[in-house]
Amino acid sequence: MHGKRALYSGEHPPQARGAGITVHCSRCAGATTVGARRALLLLAPSLHLPVIRPRYPSLLRCPGCHRVSWVRLVLRVTAGT
């Protein structure tokens, strides 16, 4: 549904099935959700220090601001019906 009907219908668009990662960036204070394939590319050059930095334990390039920063990663899994 598009246009005004989509705004006022009360129906929610179907969520995508599969897995993804939500990246919470300490530098830009944004949260960006990426799919499983992009997450693998994003995590390839990264550093994870959960004991030393408990709040933002991972150092990688933020997909939102495109700068290397400390981030918090949250795994998101959605099941289809």
PDB file of N, CA and C in Angstrom:
ATOM      1  N   MET A   1       0.845  -1.178   0.000  1.00  0.00           N
ATOM      2  CA  MET A   1       0.000   0.000   0.000  1.00  0.00           C
ATOM      3  C   MET A   1       0.892   1.245   0.000  1.00  0.00           C
ATOM      4  N   HIS A   2       0.505   2.217  -0.776  1.00  0.00           N
ATOM      5  CA  HIS A   2       1.304   3.427  -0.899  1.00  0.00           C
ATOM      6  C   HIS A   2       0.458   4.649  -0.615  1.00  0.00           C
ATOM      7  N   GLY A   3       1.125   5.750  -0.354  1.00  0.00           N
ATOM      8  CA  GLY A   3       0.440   7.030  -0.186  1.00  0.00           C
ATOM      9  C   GLY A   3      -0.279   7.160   1.138  1.00  0.00           C
ATOM     10  N   LYS A   4      -1.394   7.893   1.116  1.00  0.00           N
ATOM     11  CA  LYS A   4      -2.162   8.170   2.331  1.00  0.00           C
ATOM     12  C   LYS A   4      -2.698   6.893   2.965  1.00  0.00           C
ATOM     13  N   ARG A   5      -3.067   5.930   2.135  1.00  0.00           N
ATOM     14  CA  ARG A   5      -3.603   4.680   2.676  1.00  0.00           C
ATOM     15  C   ARG A   5      -2.565   3.980   3.540  1.00  0.00           C
ATOM     16  N   ALA A   6      -1.310   4.065   3.167  1.00  0.00           N
ATOM     17  CA  ALA A   6      -0.267   3.425   3.961  1.00  0.00           C
ATOM     18  C   ALA A   6      -0.065   4.145   5.290  1.00  0.00           C
ATOM     19  N   LEU A   7      -0.248   5.474   5.283  1.00  0.00           N
ATOM     20  CA  LEU A   7      -0.063   6.241   6.513  1.00  0.00           C
ATOM     21  C   LEU A   7      -1.181   6.007   7.520  1.00  0.00           C
ATOM     22  N   TYR A   8      -2.407   5.891   7.034  1.00  0.00           N
ATOM     23  CA  TYR A   8      -3.555   5.863   7.923  1.00  0.00           C
ATOM     24  C   TYR A   8      -4.250   4.505   8.018  1.00  0.00           C
ATOM     25  N   SER A   9      -3.701   3.494   7.416  1.00  0.00           N
ATOM     26  CA  SER A   9      -4.385   2.209   7.411  1.00  0.00           C
ATOM     27  C   SER A   9      -4.209   1.443   8.717  1.00  0.00           C
ATOM     28  N   GLY A  10      -3.141   1.710   9.450  1.00  0.00           N
ATOM     29  CA  GLY A  10      -2.890   0.975  10.688  1.00  0.00           C
ATOM     30  C   GLY A  10      -2.183  -0.343  10.467  1.00  0.00           C
ATOM     31  N   GLU A  11      -1.957  -0.703   9.226  1.00  0.00           N
ATOM     32  CA  GLU A  11      -1.227  -1.938   8.932  1.00  0.00           C
ATOM     33  C   GLU A  11       0.266  -1.668   8.962  1.00  0.00           C
ATOM     34  N   HIS A  12       0.993  -2.616   9.474  1.00  0.00           N
ATOM     35  CA  HIS A  12       2.434  -2.497   9.519  1.00  0.00           C
ATOM     36  C   HIS A  12       3.027  -3.268   8.355  1.00  0.00           C
ATOM     37  N   PRO A  13       4.080  -2.738   7.725  1.00  0.00           N
ATOM     38  CA  PRO A  13       4.697  -3.480   6.630  1.00  0.00           C
ATOM     39  C   PRO A  13       5.339  -4.754   7.154  1.00  0.00           C
ATOM     40  N   PRO A  14       5.368  -5.799   6.353  1.00  0.00           N
ATOM     41  CA  PRO A  14       5.986  -7.044   6.817  1.00  0.00           C
ATOM     42  C   PRO A  14       7.475  -6.860   7.049  1.00  0.00           C
ATOM     43  N   GLN A  15       7.972  -7.447   8.133  1.00  0.00           N
ATOM     44  CA  GLN A  15       9.386  -7.349   8.441  1.00  0.00           C
ATOM     45  C   GLN A  15      10.157  -8.386   7.638  1.00  0.00           C
ATOM     46  N   ALA A  16      11.373  -8.029   7.333  1.00  0.00           N
ATOM     47  CA  ALA A  16      12.221  -8.953   6.587  1.00  0.00           C
ATOM     48  C   ALA A  16      12.626 -10.120   7.480  1.00  0.00           C
ATOM     49  N   ARG A  17      12.656 -11.310   6.888  1.00  0.00           N
ATOM     50  CA  ARG A  17      13.079 -12.481   7.645  1.00  0.00           C
ATOM     51  C   ARG A  17      14.598 -12.580   7.601  1.00  0.00           C
ATOM     52  N   GLY A  18      15.154 -13.255   8.588  1.00  0.00           N
ATOM     53  CA  GLY A  18      16.592 -13.490   8.598  1.00  0.00           C
ATOM     54  C   GLY A  18      17.255 -12.848   9.786  1.00  0.00           C
ATOM     55  N   ALA A  19      18.571 -12.728   9.677  1.00  0.00           N
ATOM     56  CA  ALA A  19      19.361 -12.201  10.781  1.00  0.00           C
ATOM     57  C   ALA A  19      20.056 -10.922  10.350  1.00  0.00           C
ATOM     58  N   GLY A  20      20.373 -10.114  11.304  1.00  0.00           N
ATOM     59  CA  GLY A  20      21.098  -8.878  11.057  1.00  0.00           C
ATOM     60  C   GLY A  20      21.731  -8.404  12.340  1.00  0.00           C
ATOM     61  N   ILE A  21      22.472  -7.327  12.237  1.00  0.00           N
ATOM     62  CA  ILE A  21      23.143  -6.769  13.404  1.00  0.00           C
ATOM     63  C   ILE A  21      22.796  -5.289  13.481  1.00  0.00           C
ATOM     64  N   THR A  22      22.430  -4.842  14.678  1.00  0.00           N
ATOM     65  CA  THR A  22      22.227  -3.428  14.923  1.00  0.00           C
ATOM     66  C   THR A  22      23.513  -2.882  15.530  1.00  0.00           C
ATOM     67  N   VAL A  23      24.046  -1.838  14.905  1.00  0.00           N
ATOM     68  CA  VAL A  23      25.311  -1.232  15.331  1.00  0.00           C
ATOM     69  C   VAL A  23      24.986   0.083  16.017  1.00  0.00           C
ATOM     70  N   HIS A  24      25.317   0.194  17.313  1.00  0.00           N
ATOM     71  CA  HIS A  24      25.135   1.428  18.080  1.00  0.00           C
ATOM     72  C   HIS A  24      26.498   2.103  18.172  1.00  0.00           C
ATOM     73  N   CYS A  25      26.636   3.264  17.545  1.00  0.00           N
ATOM     74  CA  CYS A  25      27.923   3.954  17.449  1.00  0.00           C
ATOM     75  C   CYS A  25      28.094   4.950  18.594  1.00  0.00           C
ATOM     76  N   SER A  26      29.291   4.976  19.194  1.00  0.00           N
ATOM     77  CA  SER A  26      29.572   5.927  20.266  1.00  0.00           C
ATOM     78  C   SER A  26      29.924   7.304  19.720  1.00  0.00           C
ATOM     79  N   ARG A  27      30.369   7.370  18.485  1.00  0.00           N
ATOM     80  CA  ARG A  27      30.794   8.644  17.903  1.00  0.00           C
ATOM     81  C   ARG A  27      29.610   9.453  17.380  1.00  0.00           C
ATOM     82  N   CYS A  28      28.751   8.845  16.567  1.00  0.00           N
ATOM     83  CA  CYS A  28      27.615   9.584  15.993  1.00  0.00           C
ATOM     84  C   CYS A  28      26.326   9.373  16.793  1.00  0.00           C
ATOM     85  N   ALA A  29      26.336   8.503  17.797  1.00  0.00           N
ATOM     86  CA  ALA A  29      25.186   8.213  18.658  1.00  0.00           C
ATOM     87  C   ALA A  29      23.995   7.691  17.861  1.00  0.00           C
ATOM     88  N   GLY A  30      24.264   7.053  16.744  1.00  0.00           N
ATOM     89  CA  GLY A  30      23.202   6.501  15.918  1.00  0.00           C
ATOM     90  C   GLY A  30      23.153   4.991  16.011  1.00  0.00           C
ATOM     91  N   ALA A  31      22.034   4.432  15.591  1.00  0.00           N
ATOM     92  CA  ALA A  31      21.865   2.984  15.545  1.00  0.00           C
ATOM     93  C   ALA A  31      21.496   2.609  14.112  1.00  0.00           C
ATOM     94  N   THR A  32      22.284   1.719  13.521  1.00  0.00           N
ATOM     95  CA  THR A  32      22.078   1.307  12.141  1.00  0.00           C
ATOM     96  C   THR A  32      21.944  -0.208  12.109  1.00  0.00           C
ATOM     97  N   THR A  33      20.923  -0.708  11.433  1.00  0.00           N
ATOM     98  CA  THR A  33      20.735  -2.146  11.288  1.00  0.00           C
ATOM     99  C   THR A  33      21.208  -2.567   9.909  1.00  0.00           C
ATOM    100  N   VAL A  34      22.062  -3.580   9.875  1.00  0.00           N
ATOM    101  CA  VAL A  34      22.582  -4.101   8.611  1.00  0.00           C
ATOM    102  C   VAL A  34      22.220  -5.574   8.509  1.00  0.00           C
ATOM    103  N   GLY A  35      22.104  -6.054   7.286  1.00  0.00           N
ATOM    104  CA  GLY A  35      21.780  -7.451   7.039  1.00  0.00           C
ATOM    105  C   GLY A  35      22.961  -8.363   7.317  1.00  0.00           C
ATOM    106  N   ALA A  36      22.723  -9.655   7.189  1.00  0.00           N
ATOM    107  CA  ALA A  36      23.742 -10.647   7.521  1.00  0.00           C
ATOM    108  C   ALA A  36      24.953 -10.553   6.595  1.00  0.00           C
ATOM    109  N   ARG A  37      24.742 -10.366   5.308  1.00  0.00           N
ATOM    110  CA  ARG A  37      25.869 -10.285   4.370  1.00  0.00           C
ATOM    111  C   ARG A  37      26.723  -9.051   4.622  1.00  0.00           C
ATOM    112  N   ARG A  38      26.066  -7.923   4.802  1.00  0.00           N
ATOM    113  CA  ARG A  38      26.821  -6.692   5.051  1.00  0.00           C
ATOM    114  C   ARG A  38      27.512  -6.740   6.412  1.00  0.00           C
ATOM    115  N   ALA A  39      26.904  -7.418   7.370  1.00  0.00           N
ATOM    116  CA  ALA A  39      27.519  -7.552   8.690  1.00  0.00           C
ATOM    117  C   ALA A  39      28.829  -8.322   8.608  1.00  0.00           C
ATOM    118  N   LEU A  40      28.883  -9.352   7.775  1.00  0.00           N
ATOM    119  CA  LEU A  40      30.137 -10.097   7.607  1.00  0.00           C
ATOM    120  C   LEU A  40      31.223  -9.214   7.020  1.00  0.00           C
ATOM    121  N   LEU A  41      30.881  -8.380   6.050  1.00  0.00           N
ATOM    122  CA  LEU A  41      31.864  -7.458   5.478  1.00  0.00           C
ATOM    123  C   LEU A  41      32.275  -6.387   6.484  1.00  0.00           C
ATOM    124  N   LEU A  42      31.335  -5.960   7.289  1.00  0.00           N
ATOM    125  CA  LEU A  42      31.586  -4.927   8.285  1.00  0.00           C
ATOM    126  C   LEU A  42      32.492  -5.433   9.408  1.00  0.00           C
ATOM    127  N   LEU A  43      32.311  -6.697   9.798  1.00  0.00           N
ATOM    128  CA  LEU A  43      33.061  -7.261  10.918  1.00  0.00           C
ATOM    129  C   LEU A  43      34.434  -7.802  10.550  1.00  0.00           C
ATOM    130  N   ALA A  44      34.754  -7.869   9.255  1.00  0.00           N
ATOM    131  CA  ALA A  44      36.026  -8.447   8.838  1.00  0.00           C
ATOM    132  C   ALA A  44      37.230  -7.714   9.441  1.00  0.00           C
ATOM    133  N   PRO A  45      37.395  -6.401   9.260  1.00  0.00           N
ATOM    134  CA  PRO A  45      38.507  -5.716   9.933  1.00  0.00           C
ATOM    135  C   PRO A  45      38.024  -5.061  11.224  1.00  0.00           C
ATOM    136  N   SER A  46      37.980  -5.806  12.322  1.00  0.00           N
ATOM    137  CA  SER A  46      37.462  -5.246  13.574  1.00  0.00           C
ATOM    138  C   SER A  46      38.265  -5.750  14.763  1.00  0.00           C
ATOM    139  N   LEU A  47      38.071  -5.081  15.891  1.00  0.00           N
ATOM    140  CA  LEU A  47      38.730  -5.429  17.143  1.00  0.00           C
ATOM    141  C   LEU A  47      37.660  -5.459  18.227  1.00  0.00           C
ATOM    142  N   HIS A  48      37.648  -6.529  19.028  1.00  0.00           N
ATOM    143  CA  HIS A  48      36.633  -6.691  20.070  1.00  0.00           C
ATOM    144  C   HIS A  48      37.309  -6.841  21.422  1.00  0.00           C
ATOM    145  N   LEU A  49      37.008  -5.931  22.367  1.00  0.00           N
ATOM    146  CA  LEU A  49      37.585  -5.928  23.710  1.00  0.00           C
ATOM    147  C   LEU A  49      36.478  -5.833  24.757  1.00  0.00           C
ATOM    148  N   PRO A  50      35.687  -6.897  24.952  1.00  0.00           N
ATOM    149  CA  PRO A  50      34.545  -6.798  25.860  1.00  0.00           C
ATOM    150  C   PRO A  50      34.921  -6.655  27.333  1.00  0.00           C
ATOM    151  N   VAL A  51      36.084  -7.129  27.748  1.00  0.00           N
ATOM    152  CA  VAL A  51      36.476  -7.027  29.155  1.00  0.00           C
ATOM    153  C   VAL A  51      36.998  -5.635  29.476  1.00  0.00           C
ATOM    154  N   ILE A  52      37.748  -5.053  28.566  1.00  0.00           N
ATOM    155  CA  ILE A  52      38.350  -3.741  28.796  1.00  0.00           C
ATOM    156  C   ILE A  52      37.347  -2.613  28.571  1.00  0.00           C
ATOM    157  N   ARG A  53      36.509  -2.730  27.549  1.00  0.00           N
ATOM    158  CA  ARG A  53      35.517  -1.700  27.206  1.00  0.00           C
ATOM    159  C   ARG A  53      34.125  -2.315  27.227  1.00  0.00           C
ATOM    160  N   PRO A  54      33.468  -2.407  28.367  1.00  0.00           N
ATOM    161  CA  PRO A  54      32.179  -3.107  28.438  1.00  0.00           C
ATOM    162  C   PRO A  54      31.023  -2.380  27.749  1.00  0.00           C
ATOM    163  N   ARG A  55      31.021  -1.056  27.676  1.00  0.00           N
ATOM    164  CA  ARG A  55      29.877  -0.344  27.090  1.00  0.00           C
ATOM    165  C   ARG A  55      29.888  -0.392  25.560  1.00  0.00           C
ATOM    166  N   TYR A  56      30.994  -0.058  24.944  1.00  0.00           N
ATOM    167  CA  TYR A  56      31.170  -0.126  23.487  1.00  0.00           C
ATOM    168  C   TYR A  56      32.413  -0.975  23.212  1.00  0.00           C
ATOM    169  N   PRO A  57      32.271  -2.292  23.136  1.00  0.00           N
ATOM    170  CA  PRO A  57      33.444  -3.174  23.110  1.00  0.00           C
ATOM    171  C   PRO A  57      34.094  -3.410  21.747  1.00  0.00           C
ATOM    172  N   SER A  58      33.500  -2.972  20.659  1.00  0.00           N
ATOM    173  CA  SER A  58      34.027  -3.319  19.336  1.00  0.00           C
ATOM    174  C   SER A  58      34.490  -2.073  18.585  1.00  0.00           C
ATOM    175  N   LEU A  59      35.660  -2.177  17.974  1.00  0.00           N
ATOM    176  CA  LEU A  59      36.204  -1.094  17.165  1.00  0.00           C
ATOM    177  C   LEU A  59      36.089  -1.492  15.704  1.00  0.00           C
ATOM    178  N   LEU A  60      35.263  -0.757  14.965  1.00  0.00           N
ATOM    179  CA  LEU A  60      35.085  -1.019  13.540  1.00  0.00           C
ATOM    180  C   LEU A  60      34.521   0.214  12.864  1.00  0.00           C
ATOM    181  N   ARG A  61      34.358   0.158  11.538  1.00  0.00           N
ATOM    182  CA  ARG A  61      33.830   1.290  10.777  1.00  0.00           C
ATOM    183  C   ARG A  61      32.308   1.305  10.916  1.00  0.00           C
ATOM    184  N   CYS A  62      31.776   2.405  11.415  1.00  0.00           N
ATOM    185  CA  CYS A  62      30.331   2.559  11.614  1.00  0.00           C
ATOM    186  C   CYS A  62      29.641   2.673  10.255  1.00  0.00           C
ATOM    187  N   PRO A  63      28.574   1.895  10.013  1.00  0.00           N
ATOM    188  CA  PRO A  63      27.869   2.012   8.736  1.00  0.00           C
ATOM    189  C   PRO A  63      27.052   3.297   8.612  1.00  0.00           C
ATOM    190  N   GLY A  64      26.820   3.991   9.709  1.00  0.00           N
ATOM    191  CA  GLY A  64      26.058   5.239   9.669  1.00  0.00           C
ATOM    192  C   GLY A  64      26.918   6.447   9.352  1.00  0.00           C
ATOM    193  N   CYS A  65      28.018   6.646  10.086  1.00  0.00           N
ATOM    194  CA  CYS A  65      28.870   7.822   9.878  1.00  0.00           C
ATOM    195  C   CYS A  65      30.130   7.507   9.071  1.00  0.00           C
ATOM    196  N   HIS A  66      30.383   6.229   8.791  1.00  0.00           N
ATOM    197  CA  HIS A  66      31.515   5.762   7.977  1.00  0.00           C
ATOM    198  C   HIS A  66      32.876   6.131   8.565  1.00  0.00           C
ATOM    199  N   ARG A  67      32.944   6.262   9.894  1.00  0.00           N
ATOM    200  CA  ARG A  67      34.219   6.520  10.559  1.00  0.00           C
ATOM    201  C   ARG A  67      34.519   5.356  11.492  1.00  0.00           C
ATOM    202  N   VAL A  68      35.800   5.112  11.723  1.00  0.00           N
ATOM    203  CA  VAL A  68      36.195   4.061  12.652  1.00  0.00           C
ATOM    204  C   VAL A  68      35.893   4.555  14.065  1.00  0.00           C
ATOM    205  N   SER A  69      35.098   3.776  14.803  1.00  0.00           N
ATOM    206  CA  SER A  69      34.714   4.184  16.155  1.00  0.00           C
ATOM    207  C   SER A  69      34.370   2.953  16.991  1.00  0.00           C
ATOM    208  N   TRP A  70      34.223   3.177  18.285  1.00  0.00           N
ATOM    209  CA  TRP A  70      33.824   2.108  19.197  1.00  0.00           C
ATOM    210  C   TRP A  70      32.315   1.958  19.111  1.00  0.00           C
ATOM    211  N   VAL A  71      31.866   0.711  18.940  1.00  0.00           N
ATOM    212  CA  VAL A  71      30.443   0.445  18.751  1.00  0.00           C
ATOM    213  C   VAL A  71      29.985  -0.702  19.643  1.00  0.00           C
ATOM    214  N   ARG A  72      28.667  -0.801  19.803  1.00  0.00           N
ATOM    215  CA  ARG A  72      28.038  -1.915  20.498  1.00  0.00           C
ATOM    216  C   ARG A  72      27.221  -2.662  19.458  1.00  0.00           C
ATOM    217  N   LEU A  73      27.368  -3.973  19.383  1.00  0.00           N
ATOM    218  CA  LEU A  73      26.682  -4.806  18.399  1.00  0.00           C
ATOM    219  C   LEU A  73      25.558  -5.584  19.070  1.00  0.00           C
ATOM    220  N   VAL A  74      24.380  -5.592  18.442  1.00  0.00           N
ATOM    221  CA  VAL A  74      23.223  -6.329  18.944  1.00  0.00           C
ATOM    222  C   VAL A  74      22.728  -7.224  17.814  1.00  0.00           C
ATOM    223  N   LEU A  75      22.685  -8.524  18.065  1.00  0.00           N
ATOM    224  CA  LEU A  75      22.206  -9.474  17.062  1.00  0.00           C
ATOM    225  C   LEU A  75      20.693  -9.424  16.997  1.00  0.00           C
ATOM    226  N   ARG A  76      20.143  -9.341  15.778  1.00  0.00           N
ATOM    227  CA  ARG A  76      18.703  -9.290  15.564  1.00  0.00           C
ATOM    228  C   ARG A  76      18.312 -10.455  14.672  1.00  0.00           C
ATOM    229  N   VAL A  77      17.414 -11.280  15.149  1.00  0.00           N
ATOM    230  CA  VAL A  77      16.923 -12.420  14.387  1.00  0.00           C
ATOM    231  C   VAL A  77      15.414 -12.315  14.308  1.00  0.00           C
ATOM    232  N   THR A  78      14.867 -12.340  13.075  1.00  0.00           N
ATOM    233  CA  THR A  78      13.422 -12.294  12.900  1.00  0.00           C
ATOM    234  C   THR A  78      12.981 -13.586  12.228  1.00  0.00           C
ATOM    235  N   ALA A  79      11.915 -14.135  12.722  1.00  0.00           N
ATOM    236  CA  ALA A  79      11.384 -15.368  12.166  1.00  0.00           C
ATOM    237  C   ALA A  79      10.203 -15.042  11.270  1.00  0.00           C
ATOM    238  N   GLY A  80      10.112 -15.725  10.167  1.00  0.00           N
ATOM    239  CA  GLY A  80       8.995 -15.527   9.246  1.00  0.00           C
ATOM    240  C   GLY A  80       7.812 -16.376   9.640  1.00  0.00           C
ATOM    241  N   THR A  81       6.655 -15.976   9.173  1.00  0.00           N
ATOM    242  CA  THR A  81       5.448 -16.740   9.488  1.00  0.00           C
ATOM    243  C   THR A  81       5.063 -17.622   8.341  1.00  0.00           C
TER     244      THR A  81
END
